[in-house]
C-alpha atoms as a PDB file:
ATOM      1  CA  MET A   1      56.437  61.419  51.970  1.00  0.00           C
ATOM      2  CA  SER A   2      59.072  61.810  49.819  1.00  0.00           C
ATOM      3  CA  LEU A   3      62.787  62.094  51.607  1.00  0.00           C
ATOM      4  CA  GLN A   4      64.783  65.064  51.548  1.00  0.00           C
ATOM      5  CA  ARG A   5      68.226  64.488  49.409  1.00  0.00           C
ATOM      6  CA  VAL A   6      70.969  65.531  51.122  1.00  0.00           C
ATOM      7  CA  LEU A   7      74.627  66.130  49.780  1.00  0.00           C
ATOM      8  CA  ILE A   8      77.380  66.036  52.981  1.00  0.00           C
ATOM      9  CA  VAL A   9      80.780  67.502  52.001  1.00  0.00           C
ATOM     10  CA  GLY A  10      83.417  65.904  54.105  1.00  0.00           C
ATOM     11  CA  CYS A  11      82.854  63.088  55.783  1.00  0.00           C
ATOM     12  CA  GLY A  12      85.500  63.416  59.012  1.00  0.00           C
ATOM     13  CA  GLN A  13      84.432  63.619  62.852  1.00  0.00           C
ATOM     14  CA  ILE A  14      81.706  66.103  62.842  1.00  0.00           C
ATOM     15  CA  ALA A  15      80.306  64.377  59.384  1.00  0.00           C
ATOM     16  CA  GLY A  16      79.688  61.385  60.317  1.00  0.00           C
ATOM     17  CA  GLY A  17      82.911  59.956  62.626  1.00  0.00           C
ATOM     18  CA  PHE A  18      81.539  60.878  66.298  1.00  0.00           C
ATOM     19  CA  ASP A  19      78.877  58.396  65.880  1.00  0.00           C
ATOM     20  CA  ALA A  20      80.566  55.706  63.778  1.00  0.00           C
ATOM     21  CA  SER A  21      80.633  53.344  67.120  1.00  0.00           C
ATOM     22  CA  ARG A  22      78.064  56.161  69.478  1.00  0.00           C
ATOM     23  CA  PRO A  23      75.348  53.571  70.596  1.00  0.00           C
ATOM     24  CA  PRO A  24      72.450  54.042  68.434  1.00  0.00           C
ATOM     25  CA  ALA A  25      70.618  54.945  71.617  1.00  0.00           C
ATOM     26  CA  LEU A  26      72.245  57.662  72.710  1.00  0.00           C
ATOM     27  CA  PRO A  27      71.655  61.383  70.679  1.00  0.00           C
ATOM     28  CA  PRO A  28      73.544  61.566  68.066  1.00  0.00           C
ATOM     29  CA  LEU A  29      76.663  64.112  67.199  1.00  0.00           C
ATOM     30  CA  THR A  30      76.364  64.139  63.443  1.00  0.00           C
ATOM     31  CA  HIS A  31      75.122  65.538  60.638  1.00  0.00           C
ATOM     32  CA  ALA A  32      74.764  62.347  59.303  1.00  0.00           C
ATOM     33  CA  GLY A  33      73.939  60.653  62.495  1.00  0.00           C
ATOM     34  CA  ALA A  34      71.356  63.213  63.481  1.00  0.00           C
ATOM     35  CA  TYR A  35      69.772  62.947  59.474  1.00  0.00           C
ATOM     36  CA  ARG A  36      69.631  59.021  59.995  1.00  0.00           C
ATOM     37  CA  ARG A  37      67.701  59.656  63.282  1.00  0.00           C
ATOM     38  CA  HIS A  38      65.256  61.690  62.253  1.00  0.00           C
ATOM     39  CA  GLY A  39      63.860  60.313  59.600  1.00  0.00           C
ATOM     40  CA  SER A  40      63.094  62.709  56.648  1.00  0.00           C
ATOM     41  CA  PHE A  41      66.683  63.220  55.298  1.00  0.00           C
ATOM     42  CA  GLU A  42      68.381  61.269  52.709  1.00  0.00           C
ATOM     43  CA  ILE A  43      71.699  60.745  52.511  1.00  0.00           C
ATOM     44  CA  ALA A  44      71.572  60.431  48.517  1.00  0.00           C
ATOM     45  CA  ALA A  45      75.593  61.124  48.038  1.00  0.00           C
ATOM     46  CA  CYS A  46      78.834  62.754  49.939  1.00  0.00           C
ATOM     47  CA  VAL A  47      82.436  64.113  48.569  1.00  0.00           C
ATOM     48  CA  GLU A  48      85.338  63.655  50.176  1.00  0.00           C
ATOM     49  CA  PRO A  49      89.201  64.075  48.259  1.00  0.00           C
ATOM     50  CA  ASP A  50      90.282  60.550  49.552  1.00  0.00           C
ATOM     51  CA  ALA A  51      88.909  57.905  48.528  1.00  0.00           C
ATOM     52  CA  GLU A  52      89.306  55.470  51.377  1.00  0.00           C
ATOM     53  CA  ARG A  53      87.409  57.435  54.456  1.00  0.00           C
ATOM     54  CA  ARG A  54      84.582  58.271  51.544  1.00  0.00           C
ATOM     55  CA  ALA A  55      84.244  54.470  51.100  1.00  0.00           C
ATOM     56  CA  ALA A  56      83.877  54.299  54.965  1.00  0.00           C
ATOM     57  CA  PHE A  57      81.846  56.642  55.058  1.00  0.00           C
ATOM     58  CA  MET A  58      79.587  55.374  52.416  1.00  0.00           C
ATOM     59  CA  HIS A  59      79.564  52.122  53.668  1.00  0.00           C
ATOM     60  CA  ARG A  60      78.781  53.432  57.508  1.00  0.00           C
ATOM     61  CA  TRP A  61      75.830  55.440  57.009  1.00  0.00           C
ATOM     62  CA  GLY A  62      74.756  53.522  53.072  1.00  0.00           C
ATOM     63  CA  VAL A  63      75.418  56.656  51.067  1.00  0.00           C
ATOM     64  CA  ALA A  64      74.865  54.881  47.158  1.00  0.00           C
ATOM     65  CA  GLN A  65      77.196  58.416  45.383  1.00  0.00           C
ATOM     66  CA  GLY A  66      80.195  59.396  46.319  1.00  0.00           C
ATOM     67  CA  PHE A  67      82.438  61.864  44.669  1.00  0.00           C
ATOM     68  CA  ALA A  68      85.747  63.306  45.278  1.00  0.00           C
ATOM     69  CA  SER A  69      84.589  66.615  44.183  1.00  0.00           C
ATOM     70  CA  VAL A  70      82.039  69.378  44.624  1.00  0.00           C
ATOM     71  CA  PRO A  71      81.072  69.825  40.606  1.00  0.00           C
ATOM     72  CA  GLU A  72      81.917  66.088  40.528  1.00  0.00           C
ATOM     73  CA  ALA A  73      78.452  65.440  43.293  1.00  0.00           C
ATOM     74  CA  ALA A  74      76.304  67.676  40.934  1.00  0.00           C
ATOM     75  CA  ALA A  75      75.291  64.979  38.390  1.00  0.00           C
ATOM     76  CA  ALA A  76      74.111  63.353  41.584  1.00  0.00           C
ATOM     77  CA  GLY A  77      71.588  66.260  42.312  1.00  0.00           C
ATOM     78  CA  PRO A  78      69.502  68.165  42.532  1.00  0.00           C
ATOM     79  CA  PHE A  79      69.553  68.562  46.463  1.00  0.00           C
ATOM     80  CA  ASP A  80      66.802  70.098  48.736  1.00  0.00           C
ATOM     81  CA  VAL A  81      70.534  70.210  51.973  1.00  0.00           C
ATOM     82  CA  VAL A  82      74.121  70.345  51.569  1.00  0.00           C
ATOM     83  CA  SER A  83      76.081  70.022  54.692  1.00  0.00           C
ATOM     84  CA  LEU A  84      79.140  71.320  54.259  1.00  0.00           C
ATOM     85  CA  CYS A  85      81.886  69.604  57.221  1.00  0.00           C
ATOM     86  CA  SER A  86      85.019  70.046  55.312  1.00  0.00           C
ATOM     87  CA  PRO A  87      88.300  72.117  57.129  1.00  0.00           C
ATOM     88  CA  THR A  88      87.224  75.741  57.243  1.00  0.00           C
ATOM     89  CA  ALA A  89      89.900  77.110  54.230  1.00  0.00           C
ATOM     90  CA  LEU A  90      87.791  75.106  52.007  1.00  0.00           C
ATOM     91  CA  HIS A  91      83.686  76.754  52.893  1.00  0.00           C
ATOM     92  CA  ALA A  92      83.894  80.064  50.991  1.00  0.00           C
ATOM     93  CA  ALA A  93      85.197  77.919  47.603  1.00  0.00           C
ATOM     94  CA  GLN A  94      82.896  75.149  47.809  1.00  0.00           C
ATOM     95  CA  PHE A  95      80.237  76.827  49.358  1.00  0.00           C
ATOM     96  CA  ASP A  96      79.780  78.869  45.783  1.00  0.00           C
ATOM     97  CA  GLU A  97      80.465  75.432  43.908  1.00  0.00           C
ATOM     98  CA  VAL A  98      77.227  74.284  46.104  1.00  0.00           C
ATOM     99  CA  LEU A  99      75.401  77.223  45.221  1.00  0.00           C
ATOM    100  CA  ALA A 100      75.563  76.775  41.486  1.00  0.00           C
ATOM    101  CA  MET A 101      73.976  73.604  41.781  1.00  0.00           C
ATOM    102  CA  GLN A 102      70.761  75.540  43.708  1.00  0.00           C
ATOM    103  CA  PRO A 103      69.799  74.052  47.311  1.00  0.00           C
ATOM    104  CA  ARG A 104      67.269  74.923  49.058  1.00  0.00           C
ATOM    105  CA  LEU A 105      69.220  74.973  51.977  1.00  0.00           C
ATOM    106  CA  VAL A 106      72.903  74.800  53.502  1.00  0.00           C
ATOM    107  CA  PHE A 107      74.422  74.142  57.000  1.00  0.00           C
ATOM    108  CA  CYS A 108      77.635  74.918  57.355  1.00  0.00           C
ATOM    109  CA  GLU A 109      80.026  73.951  59.992  1.00  0.00           C
ATOM    110  CA  LYS A 110      81.680  76.319  61.923  1.00  0.00           C
ATOM    111  CA  PRO A 111      84.216  79.053  61.305  1.00  0.00           C
ATOM    112  CA  LEU A 112      82.342  79.792  58.183  1.00  0.00           C
ATOM    113  CA  THR A 113      85.674  80.877  56.777  1.00  0.00           C
ATOM    114  CA  PRO A 114      89.238  82.049  58.390  1.00  0.00           C
ATOM    115  CA  THR A 115      88.815  85.748  57.726  1.00  0.00           C
ATOM    116  CA  LEU A 116      86.035  88.037  58.408  1.00  0.00           C
ATOM    117  CA  ALA A 117      85.532  89.515  54.761  1.00  0.00           C
ATOM    118  CA  ARG A 118      85.583  86.193  53.737  1.00  0.00           C
ATOM    119  CA  SER A 119      82.691  85.299  56.104  1.00  0.00           C
ATOM    120  CA  GLU A 120      80.642  88.166  55.120  1.00  0.00           C
ATOM    121  CA  ARG A 121      81.061  87.152  51.324  1.00  0.00           C
ATOM    122  CA  LEU A 122      80.036  83.791  51.294  1.00  0.00           C
ATOM    123  CA  VAL A 123      76.665  85.352  53.642  1.00  0.00           C
ATOM    124  CA  ALA A 124      75.992  87.681  51.326  1.00  0.00           C
ATOM    125  CA  HIS A 125      76.517  85.137  48.385  1.00  0.00           C
ATOM    126  CA  GLY A 126      74.339  83.494  50.690  1.00  0.00           C
ATOM    127  CA  GLU A 127      71.420  86.026  50.196  1.00  0.00           C
ATOM    128  CA  THR A 128      72.118  86.796  46.542  1.00  0.00           C
ATOM    129  CA  ALA A 129      71.128  83.826  45.687  1.00  0.00           C
ATOM    130  CA  GLY A 130      68.152  82.723  48.268  1.00  0.00           C
ATOM    131  CA  VAL A 131      69.513  80.223  49.996  1.00  0.00           C
ATOM    132  CA  PRO A 132      69.188  79.598  53.805  1.00  0.00           C
ATOM    133  CA  LEU A 133      72.205  79.695  55.557  1.00  0.00           C
ATOM    134  CA  ALA A 134      72.119  77.415  59.096  1.00  0.00           C
ATOM    135  CA  VAL A 135      75.400  77.415  60.779  1.00  0.00           C
ATOM    136  CA  ASN A 136      76.593  75.324  63.242  1.00  0.00           C
ATOM    137  CA  HIS A 137      77.027  77.332  66.577  1.00  0.00           C
ATOM    138  CA  THR A 138      75.270  74.011  68.474  1.00  0.00           C
ATOM    139  CA  ARG A 139      74.092  75.282  71.670  1.00  0.00           C
ATOM    140  CA  ARG A 140      71.591  77.300  69.207  1.00  0.00           C
ATOM    141  CA  TRP A 141      69.704  74.677  68.967  1.00  0.00           C
ATOM    142  CA  ALA A 142      70.434  73.104  73.027  1.00  0.00           C
ATOM    143  CA  PRO A 143      67.000  73.813  74.197  1.00  0.00           C
ATOM    144  CA  ASP A 144      68.132  74.161  78.204  1.00  0.00           C
ATOM    145  CA  ILE A 145      69.801  77.318  76.547  1.00  0.00           C
ATOM    146  CA  TRP A 146      67.418  78.493  75.180  1.00  0.00           C
ATOM    147  CA  ARG A 147      65.132  78.111  78.400  1.00  0.00           C
ATOM    148  CA  LEU A 148      67.798  79.876  80.049  1.00  0.00           C
ATOM    149  CA  ALA A 149      67.624  82.408  77.772  1.00  0.00           C
ATOM    150  CA  ASP A 150      64.459  83.591  78.139  1.00  0.00           C
ATOM    151  CA  GLU A 151      64.731  83.404  82.377  1.00  0.00           C
ATOM    152  CA  LEU A 152      67.263  85.468  82.651  1.00  0.00           C
ATOM    153  CA  ALA A 153      65.637  87.856  79.201  1.00  0.00           C
ATOM    154  CA  ALA A 154      62.676  87.952  82.163  1.00  0.00           C
ATOM    155  CA  GLY A 155      64.996  88.234  85.247  1.00  0.00           C
ATOM    156  CA  ASP A 156      64.162  85.538  86.907  1.00  0.00           C
ATOM    157  CA  TRP A 157      67.868  84.642  87.984  1.00  0.00           C
ATOM    158  CA  GLY A 158      67.668  88.881  89.196  1.00  0.00           C
ATOM    159  CA  THR A 159      70.370  91.313  87.874  1.00  0.00           C
ATOM    160  CA  LEU A 160      73.396  90.171  85.131  1.00  0.00           C
ATOM    161  CA  ARG A 161      76.634  90.878  87.186  1.00  0.00           C
ATOM    162  CA  SER A 162      79.390  89.588  84.656  1.00  0.00           C
ATOM    163  CA  ALA A 163      80.341  86.272  83.019  1.00  0.00           C
ATOM    164  CA  VAL A 164      82.735  84.601  82.779  1.00  0.00           C
ATOM    165  CA  GLY A 165      84.283  81.923  79.850  1.00  0.00           C
ATOM    166  CA  THR A 166      86.536  79.846  80.155  1.00  0.00           C
ATOM    167  CA  TYR A 167      87.645  77.923  76.671  1.00  0.00           C
ATOM    168  CA  ASN A 168      90.641  76.686  74.421  1.00  0.00           C
ATOM    169  CA  LYS A 169      91.714  75.519  71.171  1.00  0.00           C
ATOM    170  CA  GLY A 170      91.783  78.888  69.438  1.00  0.00           C
ATOM    171  CA  VAL A 171      89.935  81.953  69.922  1.00  0.00           C
ATOM    172  CA  LEU A 172      87.820  81.883  66.605  1.00  0.00           C
ATOM    173  CA  ASN A 173      88.007  77.833  66.687  1.00  0.00           C
ATOM    174  CA  ASN A 174      86.757  77.249  69.913  1.00  0.00           C
ATOM    175  CA  GLY A 175      85.915  80.938  70.852  1.00  0.00           C
ATOM    176  CA  SER A 176      83.645  81.668  68.471  1.00  0.00           C
ATOM    177  CA  HIS A 177      80.801  79.176  70.252  1.00  0.00           C
ATOM    178  CA  LEU A 178      81.637  81.308  73.387  1.00  0.00           C
ATOM    179  CA  ILE A 179      80.940  85.015  71.521  1.00  0.00           C
ATOM    180  CA  ASP A 180      77.873  83.124  69.837  1.00  0.00           C
ATOM    181  CA  LEU A 181      76.383  81.551  73.219  1.00  0.00           C
ATOM    182  CA  LEU A 182      76.590  85.082  74.758  1.00  0.00           C
ATOM    183  CA  HIS A 183      75.628  86.921  72.074  1.00  0.00           C
ATOM    184  CA  MET A 184      72.165  84.475  72.483  1.00  0.00           C
ATOM    185  CA  LEU A 185      71.827  84.285  76.477  1.00  0.00           C
ATOM    186  CA  LEU A 186      72.361  87.876  76.355  1.00  0.00           C
ATOM    187  CA  ARG A 187      69.875  89.188  73.601  1.00  0.00           C
ATOM    188  CA  ALA A 188      69.343  92.961  72.360  1.00  0.00           C
ATOM    189  CA  GLU A 189      69.189  94.112  75.769  1.00  0.00           C
ATOM    190  CA  HIS A 190      72.487  94.244  77.054  1.00  0.00           C
ATOM    191  CA  GLY A 191      73.916  95.430  74.095  1.00  0.00           C
ATOM    192  CA  PRO A 192      76.668  94.434  71.542  1.00  0.00           C
ATOM    193  CA  LEU A 193      79.418  93.221  72.885  1.00  0.00           C
ATOM    194  CA  ARG A 194      82.184  95.783  73.076  1.00  0.00           C
ATOM    195  CA  VAL A 195      85.977  94.294  72.966  1.00  0.00           C
ATOM    196  CA  LEU A 196      87.886  96.222  76.404  1.00  0.00           C
ATOM    197  CA  ALA A 197      91.588  94.750  76.119  1.00  0.00           C
ATOM    198  CA  ALA A 198      92.980  91.167  75.180  1.00  0.00           C
ATOM    199  CA  GLY A 199      96.160  89.303  76.433  1.00  0.00           C
ATOM    200  CA  PRO A 200      98.564  87.192  75.068  1.00  0.00           C
ATOM    201  CA  PRO A 201      97.374  84.492  72.209  1.00  0.00           C
ATOM    202  CA  VAL A 202      98.344  81.264  73.592  1.00  0.00           C
ATOM    203  CA  ALA A 203      99.491  78.590  70.321  1.00  0.00           C
ATOM    204  CA  ASP A 204      97.843  75.574  71.688  1.00  0.00           C
ATOM    205  CA  HIS A 205      96.459  73.822  68.609  1.00  0.00           C
ATOM    206  CA  TRP A 206      95.975  75.853  65.693  1.00  0.00           C
ATOM    207  CA  ALA A 207      99.400  76.857  63.821  1.00  0.00           C
ATOM    208  CA  ASP A 208      96.491  80.091  62.352  1.00  0.00           C
ATOM    209  CA  ASP A 209      94.489  80.176  65.057  1.00  0.00           C
ATOM    210  CA  PRO A 210      96.034  81.141  69.080  1.00  0.00           C
ATOM    211  CA  THR A 211      93.237  81.189  72.226  1.00  0.00           C
ATOM    212  CA  ILE A 212      93.565  84.134  73.721  1.00  0.00           C
ATOM    213  CA  PRO A 213      92.234  85.970  77.033  1.00  0.00           C
ATOM    214  CA  ALA A 214      89.779  88.882  76.599  1.00  0.00           C
ATOM    215  CA  LEU A 215      88.007  91.477  78.428  1.00  0.00           C
ATOM    216  CA  LEU A 216      84.830  92.388  77.062  1.00  0.00           C
ATOM    217  CA  GLN A 217      81.638  94.493  78.345  1.00  0.00           C
ATOM    218  CA  THR A 218      78.497  94.775  77.332  1.00  0.00           C
ATOM    219  CA  GLU A 219      76.900  97.967  76.289  1.00  0.00           C
ATOM    220  CA  SER A 220      74.619  98.256  79.680  1.00  0.00           C
ATOM    221  CA  GLY A 221      78.378  97.392  81.022  1.00  0.00           C
ATOM    222  CA  VAL A 222      77.659  93.998  82.190  1.00  0.00           C
ATOM    223  CA  PRO A 223      81.994  92.681  82.566  1.00  0.00           C
ATOM    224  CA  ILE A 224      83.119  89.693  79.780  1.00  0.00           C
ATOM    225  CA  HIS A 225      86.185  88.167  81.294  1.00  0.00           C
ATOM    226  CA  LEU A 226      87.674  85.598  78.545  1.00  0.00           C
ATOM    227  CA  HIS A 227      89.882  82.646  80.424  1.00  0.00           C
ATOM    228  CA  THR A 228      92.031  80.374  78.320  1.00  0.00           C
ATOM    229  CA  ALA A 229      93.216  76.756  79.312  1.00  0.00           C
ATOM    230  CA  HIS A 230      95.516  74.996  77.160  1.00  0.00           C
ATOM    231  CA  ALA A 231      94.149  72.345  74.295  1.00  0.00           C
ATOM    232  CA  ALA A 232      96.915  69.530  74.719  1.00  0.00           C
ATOM    233  CA  ASP A 233      95.734  69.368  78.843  1.00  0.00           C
ATOM    234  CA  TYR A 234      92.036  68.784  77.751  1.00  0.00           C
ATOM    235  CA  ALA A 235      89.046  69.812  75.761  1.00  0.00           C
ATOM    236  CA  VAL A 236      86.998  72.690  78.234  1.00  0.00           C
ATOM    237  CA  PHE A 237      84.410  75.122  77.317  1.00  0.00           C
ATOM    238  CA  GLU A 238      82.664  76.610  80.222  1.00  0.00           C
ATOM    239  CA  LEU A 239      80.735  79.580  81.018  1.00  0.00           C
ATOM    240  CA  GLN A 240      79.897  80.990  84.686  1.00  0.00           C
ATOM    241  CA  LEU A 241      77.194  84.017  85.045  1.00  0.00           C
ATOM    242  CA  THR A 242      77.535  85.365  88.138  1.00  0.00           C
ATOM    243  CA  THR A 243      74.044  86.887  89.035  1.00  0.00           C
ATOM    244  CA  SER A 244      72.536  89.132  91.932  1.00  0.00           C
ATOM    245  CA  GLU A 245      70.205  85.595  92.657  1.00  0.00           C
ATOM    246  CA  ALA A 246      72.712  82.946  91.743  1.00  0.00           C
ATOM    247  CA  VAL A 247      75.443  81.696  90.408  1.00  0.00           C
ATOM    248  CA  ILE A 248      75.151  79.298  86.910  1.00  0.00           C
ATOM    249  CA  THR A 249      77.925  77.968  85.231  1.00  0.00           C
ATOM    250  CA  MET A 250      77.593  75.804  82.605  1.00  0.00           C
ATOM    251  CA  GLU A 251      80.023  72.513  82.794  1.00  0.00           C
ATOM    252  CA  ASP A 252      81.984  70.221  80.158  1.00  0.00           C
ATOM    253  CA  GLY A 253      80.524  72.432  77.133  1.00  0.00           C
ATOM    254  CA  GLY A 254      77.092  71.634  78.188  1.00  0.00           C
ATOM    255  CA  SER A 255      77.258  68.384  79.562  1.00  0.00           C
ATOM    256  CA  ALA A 256      76.307  69.919  82.879  1.00  0.00           C
ATOM    257  CA  TRP A 257      74.824  72.684  84.862  1.00  0.00           C
ATOM    258  CA  ARG A 258      75.716  73.671  88.693  1.00  0.00           C
ATOM    259  CA  ILE A 259      73.604  76.136  90.410  1.00  0.00           C
ATOM    260  CA  ARG A 260      74.595  77.882  93.635  1.00  0.00           C
ATOM    261  CA  ARG A 261      71.364  80.125  95.174  1.00  0.00           C
ATOM    262  CA  VAL A 262      71.694  82.441  97.119  1.00  0.00           C
ATOM    263  CA  VAL A 263      70.593  82.187 101.042  1.00  0.00           C
ATOM    264  CA  PRO A 264      70.338  83.530 104.083  1.00  0.00           C
ATOM    265  CA  SER A 265      73.951  82.995 106.132  1.00  0.00           C
ATOM    266  CA  ALA A 266      73.509  80.944 109.186  1.00  0.00           C
ATOM    267  CA  ALA A 267      76.791  82.351 110.520  1.00  0.00           C
ATOM    268  CA  PHE A 268      76.103  86.228 110.068  1.00  0.00           C
ATOM    269  CA  ALA A 269      73.354  87.306 111.219  1.00  0.00           C
ATOM    270  CA  GLY A 270      71.816  89.770 107.715  1.00  0.00           C
ATOM    271  CA  TYR A 271      74.303  88.504 105.610  1.00  0.00           C
ATOM    272  CA  ARG A 272      73.312  86.208 102.127  1.00  0.00           C
ATOM    273  CA  VAL A 273      75.658  83.884 101.061  1.00  0.00           C
ATOM    274  CA  LEU A 274      75.261  81.202  97.620  1.00  0.00           C
ATOM    275  CA  ASP A 275      75.037  77.505  99.142  1.00  0.00           C
ATOM    276  CA  ALA A 276      76.647  74.575  98.365  1.00  0.00           C
ATOM    277  CA  GLY A 277      74.817  74.110  95.093  1.00  0.00           C
ATOM    278  CA  GLU A 278      73.442  71.345  92.903  1.00  0.00           C
ATOM    279  CA  ARG A 279      74.751  69.693  89.347  1.00  0.00           C
ATOM    280  CA  THR A 280      72.467  68.571  87.174  1.00  0.00           C
ATOM    281  CA  PRO A 281      72.466  67.292  84.089  1.00  0.00           C
ATOM    282  CA  GLY A 282      72.821  69.229  80.986  1.00  0.00           C
ATOM    283  CA  ARG A 283      71.256  68.342  77.263  1.00  0.00           C
ATOM    284  CA  TYR A 284      73.931  69.953  74.725  1.00  0.00           C
ATOM    285  CA  ALA A 285      73.947  66.387  73.745  1.00  0.00           C
ATOM    286  CA  GLU A 286      70.247  66.419  71.970  1.00  0.00           C
ATOM    287  CA  ALA A 287      71.308  69.642  70.152  1.00  0.00           C
ATOM    288  CA  THR A 288      72.315  68.300  66.669  1.00  0.00           C
ATOM    289  CA  LEU A 289      68.667  66.352  66.381  1.00  0.00           C
ATOM    290  CA  ALA A 290      67.538  69.359  67.379  1.00  0.00           C
ATOM    291  CA  ALA A 291      69.294  71.651  64.907  1.00  0.00           C
ATOM    292  CA  ILE A 292      68.366  68.764  62.142  1.00  0.00           C
ATOM    293  CA  THR A 293      64.922  69.271  63.099  1.00  0.00           C
ATOM    294  CA  ASN A 294      64.693  72.824  62.747  1.00  0.00           C
ATOM    295  CA  LEU A 295      66.157  72.171  59.154  1.00  0.00           C
ATOM    296  CA  HIS A 296      63.194  70.600  58.357  1.00  0.00           C
ATOM    297  CA  ASP A 297      61.241  72.668  59.729  1.00  0.00           C
ATOM    298  CA  THR A 298      62.422  75.800  57.655  1.00  0.00           C
ATOM    299  CA  LEU A 299      61.741  73.512  54.862  1.00  0.00           C
ATOM    300  CA  THR A 300      58.601  72.366  55.230  1.00  0.00           C
ATOM    301  CA  ASN A 301      56.919  74.542  57.207  1.00  0.00           C
ATOM    302  CA  GLY A 302      58.850  78.049  56.702  1.00  0.00           C
ATOM    303  CA  ALA A 303      60.547  78.167  60.006  1.00  0.00           C
ATOM    304  CA  PRO A 304      63.675  80.351  60.967  1.00  0.00           C
ATOM    305  CA  LEU A 305      66.847  79.720  61.278  1.00  0.00           C
ATOM    306  CA  LEU A 306      68.519  79.854  65.091  1.00  0.00           C
ATOM    307  CA  GLY A 307      71.275  79.499  63.865  1.00  0.00           C
ATOM    308  CA  THR A 308      72.676  81.522  60.650  1.00  0.00           C
ATOM    309  CA  GLY A 309      75.535  83.025  58.790  1.00  0.00           C
ATOM    310  CA  CYS A 310      74.825  86.341  60.105  1.00  0.00           C
ATOM    311  CA  GLY A 311      74.930  85.403  63.918  1.00  0.00           C
ATOM    312  CA  ALA A 312      77.931  83.346  63.019  1.00  0.00           C
ATOM    313  CA  VAL A 313      79.046  86.905  60.864  1.00  0.00           C
ATOM    314  CA  ALA A 314      78.531  89.065  64.502  1.00  0.00           C
ATOM    315  CA  ALA A 315      80.377  86.023  66.653  1.00  0.00           C
ATOM    316  CA  GLN A 316      83.464  86.256  63.975  1.00  0.00           C
ATOM    317  CA  ARG A 317      83.897  90.043  63.803  1.00  0.00           C
ATOM    318  CA  VAL A 318      83.886  90.017  67.926  1.00  0.00           C
ATOM    319  CA  CYS A 319      86.754  87.491  67.536  1.00  0.00           C
ATOM    320  CA  GLU A 320      89.276  89.108  64.933  1.00  0.00           C
ATOM    321  CA  GLN A 321      88.632  92.232  67.063  1.00  0.00           C
ATOM    322  CA  ILE A 322      90.418  90.403  70.062  1.00  0.00           C
ATOM    323  CA  ARG A 323      92.489  89.018  67.674  1.00  0.00           C
ATOM    324  CA  ARG A 324      93.916  92.395  66.859  1.00  0.00           C
ATOM    325  CA  LEU A 325      93.941  93.864  70.270  1.00  0.00           C
ATOM    326  CA  SER A 326      95.907  90.865  71.283  1.00  0.00           C
ATOM    327  CA  GLU A 327      99.335  91.868  69.021  1.00  0.00           C
ATOM    328  CA  PRO A 328     101.791  93.802  69.758  1.00  0.00           C
ATOM    329  CA  SER A 329     101.250  96.676  67.668  1.00  0.00           C
ATOM    330  CA  SER A 330      97.928  96.803  69.334  1.00  0.00           C
ATOM    331  CA  ASN A 331      99.814  96.991  72.780  1.00  0.00           C
ATOM    332  CA  PRO A 332     102.504  98.919  73.319  1.00  0.00           C
ATOM    333  CA  ALA A 333     103.440  97.074  76.613  1.00  0.00           C
ATOM    334  CA  ARG A 334     103.472  93.822  75.424  1.00  0.00           C
ATOM    335  CA  PRO A 335     106.498  92.817  73.800  1.00  0.00           C
END
């Protein structure tokens, strides 16, 4: 069986760096690591303008050909899959260059582009070219999150009362992960998310992408609060769902879950309270390999992609609304 040929554009941490010294027994966290682990892909070439970084990546992952730009890499094609792991500002131009090479599928890091309008154009270009686009909102491929989404939809946890997310490092860079996760978990029965208000932006990492607190609401009236932390202190990405039967908390980005269930009060007759809860491991570490498996199933069996360009645009649209509402001109009471 022939291997699917891959071109990786950008040779930084998410391309392969996070797995450079990771024990091989652990699940891979990067594109290169997951392609290698899956076994049905060949990393045929890479693109990286930094010659030293490119050479190190080629040596670590056994890549035969490396180039400084996407057009230069065209001679090494054709490619079945192109992974765009370059900085966000380069995605739009590189995506058009990649489309000219006519790959069978593109796997792009998020955010797609810095602005909603450019992201919409990028997705439209891919659709016109007939090239499927997967976007790495990683939790789209975490099996325990899919299970939770199914359970919420089936009413296994009762009625959803509210959701609280905590994040840092940019409303677009990390906030889009949180919005996409909410879209995934709440699904259509709760309707599209509506942004009601946004607080003052916090410049905690990216000069052009502040972290912003916000209040949202589903079409059915479920309130969603986005809380901020500061990226200079520590990394945090968590989500708490309060339902009529439990409080479900995703911790450590999905590496763990804490569930407190409703029980009768031992002190007050007739009252129900939450128990002390239990903390269990999450399956977030499996998501990147699951994403590559989904890409392979799409290429070989026509399976639907679990994380798409349209989904990424929907999340970015909410992020842009939050950012607009955070501007002083949108809130006269804010200096």
